[in-house]
């Protein structure tokens, strides 16, 4: 599994910003006001992922006082990090599309409130994406000194093969 690229996340966000902006020109007046409840949830997830990343990094690097990380747990955290970074890019793109669309309507109360919510959601999506990338980074196994990654690792033989 390859590390998530920031470029990929930016392309996801850009695509959904353009799509959202286009859809809002047709149906913004039919939508209810944006809800702010998504924003604290994203901030909580971002904080949790950053905290797990810090703890997991200490466990993988073998710091004293930390139990070693189980490989299956690390794999699950990598999957969580990859998924949440992509979800954050999607949500950030939608929020950016709202911000772009609403930027010309700030004189009215509802669009101004929606703009504040969309801008906060965009900021929270940036924090979530950053925390997810950090968690993914923390899941990497550090290279040991003298470990040459260019040499192929010989395949393990099953115990009954002698």
N, C-alpha and C. Protein backbone atom coordinates (compact mmCIF):
# COMPACT_ATOMS: atom_id res chain seq x y z
N UNK A 1 0.84 -1.16 0.00
CA UNK A 1 0.00 0.00 0.00
C UNK A 1 0.90 1.23 0.00
N UNK A 2 0.63 2.13 -0.91
CA UNK A 2 1.44 3.34 -1.03
C UNK A 2 0.88 4.44 -0.14
N UNK A 3 1.75 5.32 0.33
CA UNK A 3 1.29 6.45 1.15
C UNK A 3 0.35 7.37 0.36
N UNK A 4 -0.57 7.99 1.07
CA UNK A 4 -1.49 8.93 0.45
C UNK A 4 -0.72 10.15 -0.01
N UNK A 5 -1.02 10.61 -1.20
CA UNK A 5 -0.35 11.80 -1.73
C UNK A 5 -1.25 13.02 -1.51
N UNK A 6 -0.63 14.09 -1.12
CA UNK A 6 -1.36 15.34 -0.91
C UNK A 6 -1.99 15.78 -2.23
N UNK A 7 -1.30 15.54 -3.32
CA UNK A 7 -1.81 15.91 -4.64
C UNK A 7 -3.15 15.22 -4.92
N UNK A 8 -3.27 13.96 -4.54
CA UNK A 8 -4.52 13.22 -4.73
C UNK A 8 -5.64 13.86 -3.92
N UNK A 9 -5.34 14.22 -2.68
CA UNK A 9 -6.35 14.86 -1.84
C UNK A 9 -6.76 16.22 -2.40
N UNK A 10 -5.81 16.96 -2.92
CA UNK A 10 -6.13 18.26 -3.52
C UNK A 10 -7.02 18.09 -4.76
N UNK A 11 -6.76 17.07 -5.56
CA UNK A 11 -7.59 16.81 -6.74
C UNK A 11 -9.02 16.43 -6.34
N UNK A 12 -9.16 15.61 -5.29
CA UNK A 12 -10.49 15.26 -4.79
C UNK A 12 -11.22 16.52 -4.33
N UNK A 13 -10.54 17.34 -3.55
CA UNK A 13 -11.16 18.57 -3.04
C UNK A 13 -11.54 19.51 -4.17
N UNK A 14 -10.67 19.67 -5.14
CA UNK A 14 -10.95 20.56 -6.27
C UNK A 14 -12.14 20.06 -7.08
N UNK A 15 -12.18 18.76 -7.34
CA UNK A 15 -13.29 18.20 -8.11
C UNK A 15 -14.63 18.43 -7.40
N UNK A 16 -14.68 18.18 -6.11
CA UNK A 16 -15.94 18.35 -5.39
C UNK A 16 -16.28 19.82 -5.15
N UNK A 17 -15.29 20.69 -5.11
CA UNK A 17 -15.58 22.13 -5.02
C UNK A 17 -16.25 22.60 -6.30
N UNK A 18 -15.75 22.15 -7.44
CA UNK A 18 -16.34 22.54 -8.73
C UNK A 18 -17.75 21.97 -8.87
N UNK A 19 -17.91 20.70 -8.51
CA UNK A 19 -19.24 20.06 -8.61
C UNK A 19 -20.23 20.75 -7.68
N UNK A 20 -19.82 21.02 -6.44
CA UNK A 20 -20.71 21.67 -5.48
C UNK A 20 -21.09 23.06 -5.95
N UNK A 21 -20.12 23.82 -6.42
CA UNK A 21 -20.39 25.18 -6.92
C UNK A 21 -21.41 25.13 -8.05
N UNK A 22 -21.26 24.18 -8.96
CA UNK A 22 -22.19 24.07 -10.08
C UNK A 22 -23.59 23.68 -9.61
N UNK A 23 -23.67 22.76 -8.66
CA UNK A 23 -24.98 22.33 -8.16
C UNK A 23 -25.68 23.43 -7.36
N UNK A 24 -24.91 24.25 -6.68
CA UNK A 24 -25.51 25.32 -5.88
C UNK A 24 -26.14 26.41 -6.74
N UNK A 25 -25.62 26.61 -7.94
CA UNK A 25 -26.23 27.61 -8.81
C UNK A 25 -27.66 27.22 -9.18
N UNK A 26 -27.94 25.94 -9.17
CA UNK A 26 -29.26 25.44 -9.52
C UNK A 26 -30.17 25.33 -8.30
N UNK A 27 -29.64 24.88 -7.15
CA UNK A 27 -30.53 24.54 -6.06
C UNK A 27 -30.26 25.12 -4.69
N UNK A 28 -29.45 26.17 -4.57
CA UNK A 28 -29.14 26.70 -3.24
C UNK A 28 -30.39 27.21 -2.52
N UNK A 29 -31.27 27.85 -3.25
CA UNK A 29 -32.46 28.43 -2.62
C UNK A 29 -33.39 27.38 -2.03
N UNK A 30 -33.26 26.13 -2.47
CA UNK A 30 -34.12 25.05 -1.97
C UNK A 30 -33.53 24.34 -0.75
N UNK A 31 -32.29 24.66 -0.40
CA UNK A 31 -31.61 23.98 0.71
C UNK A 31 -31.94 24.64 2.05
N UNK A 32 -31.97 23.84 3.12
CA UNK A 32 -32.09 24.45 4.46
C UNK A 32 -30.75 25.07 4.84
N UNK A 33 -30.73 25.92 5.86
CA UNK A 33 -29.45 26.49 6.30
C UNK A 33 -28.48 25.39 6.71
N UNK A 34 -27.20 25.63 6.50
CA UNK A 34 -26.18 24.64 6.86
C UNK A 34 -26.13 24.47 8.37
N UNK A 35 -25.90 23.25 8.80
CA UNK A 35 -25.80 22.93 10.22
C UNK A 35 -24.33 22.95 10.64
N UNK A 36 -24.08 23.46 11.81
CA UNK A 36 -22.71 23.53 12.33
C UNK A 36 -22.28 22.25 13.04
N UNK A 37 -23.19 21.27 13.21
CA UNK A 37 -22.88 20.09 14.03
C UNK A 37 -21.78 19.21 13.43
N UNK A 38 -21.55 19.30 12.15
CA UNK A 38 -20.51 18.50 11.52
C UNK A 38 -19.12 18.98 11.93
N UNK A 39 -19.00 20.26 12.17
CA UNK A 39 -17.71 20.87 12.48
C UNK A 39 -17.06 20.31 13.75
N UNK A 40 -17.76 20.27 14.91
CA UNK A 40 -17.10 19.71 16.09
C UNK A 40 -16.80 18.22 15.95
N UNK A 41 -17.62 17.49 15.22
CA UNK A 41 -17.34 16.07 15.03
C UNK A 41 -16.03 15.87 14.27
N UNK A 42 -15.80 16.69 13.26
CA UNK A 42 -14.54 16.59 12.51
C UNK A 42 -13.35 16.98 13.37
N UNK A 43 -13.53 17.99 14.21
CA UNK A 43 -12.44 18.40 15.10
C UNK A 43 -12.11 17.31 16.12
N UNK A 44 -13.13 16.63 16.61
CA UNK A 44 -12.91 15.53 17.56
C UNK A 44 -12.17 14.38 16.87
N UNK A 45 -12.59 14.05 15.65
CA UNK A 45 -11.89 12.99 14.91
C UNK A 45 -10.45 13.38 14.62
N UNK A 46 -10.21 14.63 14.28
CA UNK A 46 -8.84 15.09 14.01
C UNK A 46 -7.98 14.97 15.26
N UNK A 47 -8.51 15.39 16.40
CA UNK A 47 -7.75 15.29 17.65
C UNK A 47 -7.48 13.84 18.01
N UNK A 48 -8.47 12.99 17.82
CA UNK A 48 -8.30 11.57 18.14
C UNK A 48 -7.26 10.92 17.24
N UNK A 49 -7.30 11.22 15.96
CA UNK A 49 -6.31 10.63 15.05
C UNK A 49 -4.90 11.12 15.35
N UNK A 50 -4.76 12.40 15.68
CA UNK A 50 -3.44 12.91 16.03
C UNK A 50 -2.92 12.26 17.31
N UNK A 51 -3.79 12.09 18.30
CA UNK A 51 -3.39 11.46 19.55
C UNK A 51 -3.00 9.99 19.33
N UNK A 52 -3.81 9.27 18.57
CA UNK A 52 -3.49 7.86 18.27
C UNK A 52 -2.18 7.78 17.49
N UNK A 53 -1.97 8.71 16.57
CA UNK A 53 -0.73 8.72 15.81
C UNK A 53 0.49 8.90 16.70
N UNK A 54 0.40 9.83 17.63
CA UNK A 54 1.52 10.07 18.56
C UNK A 54 1.80 8.83 19.39
N UNK A 55 0.73 8.22 19.92
CA UNK A 55 0.88 7.02 20.74
C UNK A 55 1.41 5.85 19.91
N UNK A 56 0.88 5.69 18.73
CA UNK A 56 1.30 4.57 17.89
C UNK A 56 2.75 4.70 17.45
N UNK A 57 3.16 5.92 17.16
CA UNK A 57 4.55 6.14 16.77
C UNK A 57 5.50 5.73 17.91
N UNK A 58 5.13 6.07 19.13
CA UNK A 58 5.95 5.68 20.28
C UNK A 58 5.99 4.17 20.42
N UNK A 59 4.88 3.51 20.16
CA UNK A 59 4.83 2.05 20.28
C UNK A 59 5.62 1.36 19.18
N UNK A 60 5.54 1.89 17.95
CA UNK A 60 6.26 1.28 16.83
C UNK A 60 7.76 1.47 16.97
N UNK A 61 8.17 2.64 17.44
CA UNK A 61 9.61 2.89 17.59
C UNK A 61 10.21 2.26 18.83
N UNK A 62 9.35 1.67 19.68
CA UNK A 62 9.84 0.95 20.85
C UNK A 62 10.28 1.83 22.00
N UNK A 63 9.64 2.96 22.18
CA UNK A 63 9.98 3.81 23.32
C UNK A 63 9.70 3.10 24.62
N UNK A 64 10.55 3.31 25.62
CA UNK A 64 10.33 2.68 26.92
C UNK A 64 9.00 3.12 27.53
N UNK A 65 8.31 2.17 28.14
CA UNK A 65 7.04 2.45 28.77
C UNK A 65 5.84 2.23 27.86
N UNK A 66 6.08 1.90 26.60
CA UNK A 66 5.00 1.64 25.66
C UNK A 66 5.05 0.18 25.22
N UNK A 67 3.89 -0.43 25.15
CA UNK A 67 3.80 -1.80 24.65
C UNK A 67 3.96 -1.79 23.14
N UNK A 68 4.57 -2.83 22.57
CA UNK A 68 4.68 -2.88 21.11
C UNK A 68 3.29 -2.92 20.46
N UNK A 69 3.20 -2.31 19.29
CA UNK A 69 1.93 -2.28 18.56
C UNK A 69 1.71 -3.60 17.84
N UNK A 70 0.49 -4.06 17.87
CA UNK A 70 0.14 -5.28 17.13
C UNK A 70 0.00 -4.93 15.65
N UNK A 71 0.54 -5.77 14.77
CA UNK A 71 0.51 -5.46 13.33
C UNK A 71 -0.90 -5.24 12.79
N UNK A 72 -1.87 -6.03 13.22
CA UNK A 72 -3.23 -5.86 12.71
C UNK A 72 -3.81 -4.50 13.11
N UNK A 73 -3.49 -4.04 14.30
CA UNK A 73 -3.94 -2.73 14.75
C UNK A 73 -3.32 -1.63 13.88
N UNK A 74 -2.05 -1.77 13.55
CA UNK A 74 -1.37 -0.78 12.72
C UNK A 74 -2.01 -0.74 11.33
N UNK A 75 -2.30 -1.91 10.77
CA UNK A 75 -2.95 -1.97 9.46
C UNK A 75 -4.32 -1.28 9.50
N UNK A 76 -5.05 -1.52 10.56
CA UNK A 76 -6.36 -0.86 10.70
C UNK A 76 -6.22 0.65 10.81
N UNK A 77 -5.21 1.11 11.49
CA UNK A 77 -5.00 2.55 11.63
C UNK A 77 -4.58 3.17 10.28
N UNK A 78 -3.82 2.44 9.50
CA UNK A 78 -3.46 2.93 8.16
C UNK A 78 -4.73 3.05 7.31
N UNK A 79 -5.58 2.04 7.37
CA UNK A 79 -6.84 2.09 6.61
C UNK A 79 -7.71 3.26 7.08
N UNK A 80 -7.79 3.46 8.38
CA UNK A 80 -8.55 4.59 8.92
C UNK A 80 -7.97 5.92 8.44
N UNK A 81 -6.66 6.03 8.47
CA UNK A 81 -6.00 7.27 8.07
C UNK A 81 -6.25 7.55 6.58
N UNK A 82 -6.12 6.54 5.74
CA UNK A 82 -6.34 6.74 4.31
C UNK A 82 -7.79 7.13 4.04
N UNK A 83 -8.72 6.45 4.70
CA UNK A 83 -10.13 6.75 4.47
C UNK A 83 -10.49 8.15 4.98
N UNK A 84 -10.04 8.50 6.16
CA UNK A 84 -10.42 9.80 6.71
C UNK A 84 -9.75 10.95 5.96
N UNK A 85 -8.57 10.73 5.40
CA UNK A 85 -7.96 11.81 4.61
C UNK A 85 -8.77 12.05 3.33
N UNK A 86 -9.28 10.98 2.74
CA UNK A 86 -10.09 11.14 1.53
C UNK A 86 -11.46 11.74 1.85
N UNK A 87 -12.05 11.34 2.96
CA UNK A 87 -13.33 11.94 3.38
C UNK A 87 -13.12 13.42 3.69
N UNK A 88 -12.02 13.74 4.34
CA UNK A 88 -11.73 15.15 4.65
C UNK A 88 -11.56 15.95 3.37
N UNK A 89 -10.93 15.37 2.35
CA UNK A 89 -10.78 16.07 1.07
C UNK A 89 -12.14 16.28 0.41
N UNK A 90 -12.99 15.28 0.47
CA UNK A 90 -14.34 15.40 -0.08
C UNK A 90 -15.13 16.49 0.63
N UNK A 91 -15.16 16.44 1.96
CA UNK A 91 -15.92 17.43 2.74
C UNK A 91 -15.32 18.82 2.55
N UNK A 92 -14.00 18.90 2.53
CA UNK A 92 -13.35 20.19 2.30
C UNK A 92 -13.69 20.76 0.93
N UNK A 93 -13.76 19.89 -0.07
CA UNK A 93 -14.15 20.34 -1.41
C UNK A 93 -15.58 20.86 -1.44
N UNK A 94 -16.49 20.14 -0.80
CA UNK A 94 -17.89 20.60 -0.74
C UNK A 94 -17.97 21.93 0.00
N UNK A 95 -17.27 22.04 1.12
CA UNK A 95 -17.28 23.29 1.88
C UNK A 95 -16.67 24.43 1.07
N UNK A 96 -15.61 24.14 0.33
CA UNK A 96 -14.99 25.17 -0.52
C UNK A 96 -15.96 25.61 -1.62
N UNK A 97 -16.69 24.65 -2.18
CA UNK A 97 -17.69 25.00 -3.19
C UNK A 97 -18.75 25.91 -2.62
N UNK A 98 -19.19 25.64 -1.39
CA UNK A 98 -20.15 26.54 -0.72
C UNK A 98 -19.53 27.92 -0.53
N UNK A 99 -18.29 27.97 -0.07
CA UNK A 99 -17.64 29.27 0.18
C UNK A 99 -17.52 30.08 -1.11
N UNK A 100 -17.14 29.42 -2.19
CA UNK A 100 -17.01 30.11 -3.47
C UNK A 100 -18.36 30.65 -3.92
N UNK A 101 -19.38 29.81 -3.84
CA UNK A 101 -20.71 30.22 -4.27
C UNK A 101 -21.26 31.36 -3.41
N UNK A 102 -21.07 31.26 -2.11
CA UNK A 102 -21.66 32.23 -1.19
C UNK A 102 -20.87 33.53 -1.07
N UNK A 103 -19.67 33.57 -1.60
CA UNK A 103 -18.82 34.75 -1.43
C UNK A 103 -19.44 36.03 -1.99
N UNK A 104 -20.34 35.92 -2.94
CA UNK A 104 -20.97 37.11 -3.50
C UNK A 104 -22.30 37.47 -2.85
N UNK A 105 -22.73 36.74 -1.82
CA UNK A 105 -24.05 36.96 -1.22
C UNK A 105 -23.98 37.28 0.26
N UNK A 106 -22.93 37.86 0.73
CA UNK A 106 -22.75 38.04 2.16
C UNK A 106 -23.60 39.14 2.77
N UNK A 107 -24.38 39.85 1.97
CA UNK A 107 -25.27 40.88 2.51
C UNK A 107 -26.50 40.28 3.17
N UNK A 108 -26.92 39.11 2.72
CA UNK A 108 -28.10 38.45 3.29
C UNK A 108 -27.69 37.60 4.49
N UNK A 109 -28.59 37.46 5.45
CA UNK A 109 -28.28 36.76 6.70
C UNK A 109 -28.01 35.27 6.51
N UNK A 110 -28.88 34.56 5.82
CA UNK A 110 -28.72 33.11 5.67
C UNK A 110 -27.44 32.76 4.91
N UNK A 111 -27.17 33.38 3.75
CA UNK A 111 -25.90 33.06 3.08
C UNK A 111 -24.67 33.41 3.93
N UNK A 112 -24.74 34.49 4.69
CA UNK A 112 -23.61 34.87 5.55
C UNK A 112 -23.39 33.80 6.63
N UNK A 113 -24.46 33.32 7.25
CA UNK A 113 -24.34 32.26 8.26
C UNK A 113 -23.85 30.97 7.63
N UNK A 114 -24.36 30.66 6.43
CA UNK A 114 -23.89 29.46 5.73
C UNK A 114 -22.41 29.58 5.38
N UNK A 115 -21.98 30.77 5.03
CA UNK A 115 -20.56 31.00 4.71
C UNK A 115 -19.68 30.76 5.93
N UNK A 116 -20.13 31.21 7.09
CA UNK A 116 -19.36 30.99 8.33
C UNK A 116 -19.25 29.49 8.62
N UNK A 117 -20.36 28.78 8.49
CA UNK A 117 -20.37 27.34 8.74
C UNK A 117 -19.49 26.63 7.71
N UNK A 118 -19.61 27.00 6.44
CA UNK A 118 -18.81 26.36 5.39
C UNK A 118 -17.32 26.64 5.59
N UNK A 119 -16.97 27.86 5.97
CA UNK A 119 -15.55 28.19 6.21
C UNK A 119 -15.01 27.40 7.41
N UNK A 120 -15.80 27.31 8.47
CA UNK A 120 -15.37 26.51 9.62
C UNK A 120 -15.23 25.04 9.27
N UNK A 121 -16.15 24.52 8.47
CA UNK A 121 -16.08 23.13 8.04
C UNK A 121 -14.86 22.90 7.17
N UNK A 122 -14.55 23.85 6.31
CA UNK A 122 -13.35 23.75 5.48
C UNK A 122 -12.10 23.69 6.35
N UNK A 123 -12.04 24.57 7.35
CA UNK A 123 -10.88 24.55 8.27
C UNK A 123 -10.79 23.24 9.03
N UNK A 124 -11.92 22.72 9.49
CA UNK A 124 -11.92 21.45 10.21
C UNK A 124 -11.51 20.31 9.29
N UNK A 125 -11.89 20.39 8.01
CA UNK A 125 -11.48 19.34 7.07
C UNK A 125 -9.97 19.38 6.83
N UNK A 126 -9.40 20.58 6.83
CA UNK A 126 -7.93 20.67 6.71
C UNK A 126 -7.24 20.04 7.92
N UNK A 127 -7.78 20.30 9.10
CA UNK A 127 -7.20 19.70 10.31
C UNK A 127 -7.35 18.18 10.29
N UNK A 128 -8.51 17.69 9.86
CA UNK A 128 -8.71 16.24 9.79
C UNK A 128 -7.78 15.61 8.77
N UNK A 129 -7.63 16.23 7.62
CA UNK A 129 -6.72 15.69 6.60
C UNK A 129 -5.28 15.68 7.13
N UNK A 130 -4.88 16.75 7.80
CA UNK A 130 -3.53 16.80 8.38
C UNK A 130 -3.33 15.73 9.43
N UNK A 131 -4.31 15.55 10.29
CA UNK A 131 -4.22 14.52 11.34
C UNK A 131 -4.19 13.12 10.72
N UNK A 132 -4.96 12.92 9.67
CA UNK A 132 -4.97 11.61 9.01
C UNK A 132 -3.63 11.32 8.33
N UNK A 133 -3.06 12.32 7.69
CA UNK A 133 -1.74 12.13 7.08
C UNK A 133 -0.68 11.88 8.14
N UNK A 134 -0.81 12.56 9.27
CA UNK A 134 0.11 12.34 10.39
C UNK A 134 -0.02 10.92 10.93
N UNK A 135 -1.25 10.45 11.10
CA UNK A 135 -1.48 9.09 11.58
C UNK A 135 -0.89 8.08 10.60
N UNK A 136 -1.10 8.31 9.32
CA UNK A 136 -0.54 7.39 8.32
C UNK A 136 0.99 7.39 8.39
N UNK A 137 1.58 8.56 8.57
CA UNK A 137 3.03 8.66 8.70
C UNK A 137 3.52 7.92 9.94
N UNK A 138 2.80 8.04 11.04
CA UNK A 138 3.20 7.40 12.29
C UNK A 138 3.11 5.88 12.22
N UNK A 139 2.37 5.35 11.27
CA UNK A 139 2.23 3.90 11.13
C UNK A 139 3.41 3.27 10.39
N UNK A 140 4.29 4.07 9.86
CA UNK A 140 5.45 3.53 9.14
C UNK A 140 6.44 2.92 10.11
N UNK A 141 7.00 1.82 9.71
CA UNK A 141 8.03 1.17 10.51
C UNK A 141 9.35 1.86 10.19
N UNK A 142 10.05 2.34 11.22
CA UNK A 142 11.31 3.04 10.94
C UNK A 142 12.35 2.09 10.37
N UNK A 143 13.18 2.63 9.49
CA UNK A 143 14.23 1.83 8.89
C UNK A 143 15.36 1.67 9.90
N UNK A 144 15.78 0.44 10.11
CA UNK A 144 16.87 0.19 11.05
C UNK A 144 18.20 0.50 10.41
N UNK A 145 19.18 0.87 11.22
CA UNK A 145 20.50 1.15 10.69
C UNK A 145 21.09 -0.14 10.12
N UNK A 146 21.68 -0.01 8.95
CA UNK A 146 22.24 -1.18 8.29
C UNK A 146 21.21 -1.95 7.47
N UNK A 147 19.97 -1.51 7.48
CA UNK A 147 18.91 -2.17 6.72
C UNK A 147 18.91 -1.58 5.31
N UNK A 148 19.26 -2.39 4.33
CA UNK A 148 19.32 -1.93 2.95
C UNK A 148 18.04 -2.35 2.24
N UNK A 149 17.20 -1.40 1.92
CA UNK A 149 15.90 -1.69 1.30
C UNK A 149 16.03 -2.08 -0.17
N UNK A 150 17.20 -1.86 -0.78
CA UNK A 150 17.35 -2.19 -2.19
C UNK A 150 17.54 -3.69 -2.42
N UNK A 151 18.03 -4.38 -1.39
CA UNK A 151 18.24 -5.82 -1.53
C UNK A 151 16.91 -6.55 -1.33
N UNK A 152 16.60 -7.51 -2.20
CA UNK A 152 15.35 -8.25 -2.01
C UNK A 152 15.41 -9.12 -0.77
N UNK A 153 14.31 -9.22 -0.08
CA UNK A 153 14.22 -10.06 1.11
C UNK A 153 13.89 -11.47 0.66
N UNK A 154 14.67 -12.47 1.10
CA UNK A 154 14.36 -13.83 0.67
C UNK A 154 13.03 -14.29 1.24
N UNK A 155 12.26 -15.07 0.48
CA UNK A 155 10.97 -15.52 0.99
C UNK A 155 11.14 -16.47 2.16
N UNK A 156 10.21 -16.39 3.11
CA UNK A 156 10.26 -17.29 4.27
C UNK A 156 9.79 -18.67 3.83
N UNK A 157 10.49 -19.65 4.32
CA UNK A 157 10.13 -21.03 4.03
C UNK A 157 9.17 -21.53 5.09
N UNK A 158 8.17 -22.29 4.71
CA UNK A 158 7.29 -22.87 5.72
C UNK A 158 8.04 -23.82 6.62
N UNK A 159 7.59 -24.01 7.87
CA UNK A 159 8.35 -24.83 8.82
C UNK A 159 8.51 -26.28 8.38
N UNK A 160 7.63 -26.79 7.57
CA UNK A 160 7.71 -28.20 7.16
C UNK A 160 8.62 -28.38 5.96
N UNK A 161 9.19 -27.32 5.40
CA UNK A 161 10.03 -27.40 4.21
C UNK A 161 11.49 -27.45 4.62
N UNK A 162 12.04 -28.65 4.81
CA UNK A 162 13.48 -28.78 5.13
C UNK A 162 14.07 -29.91 4.38
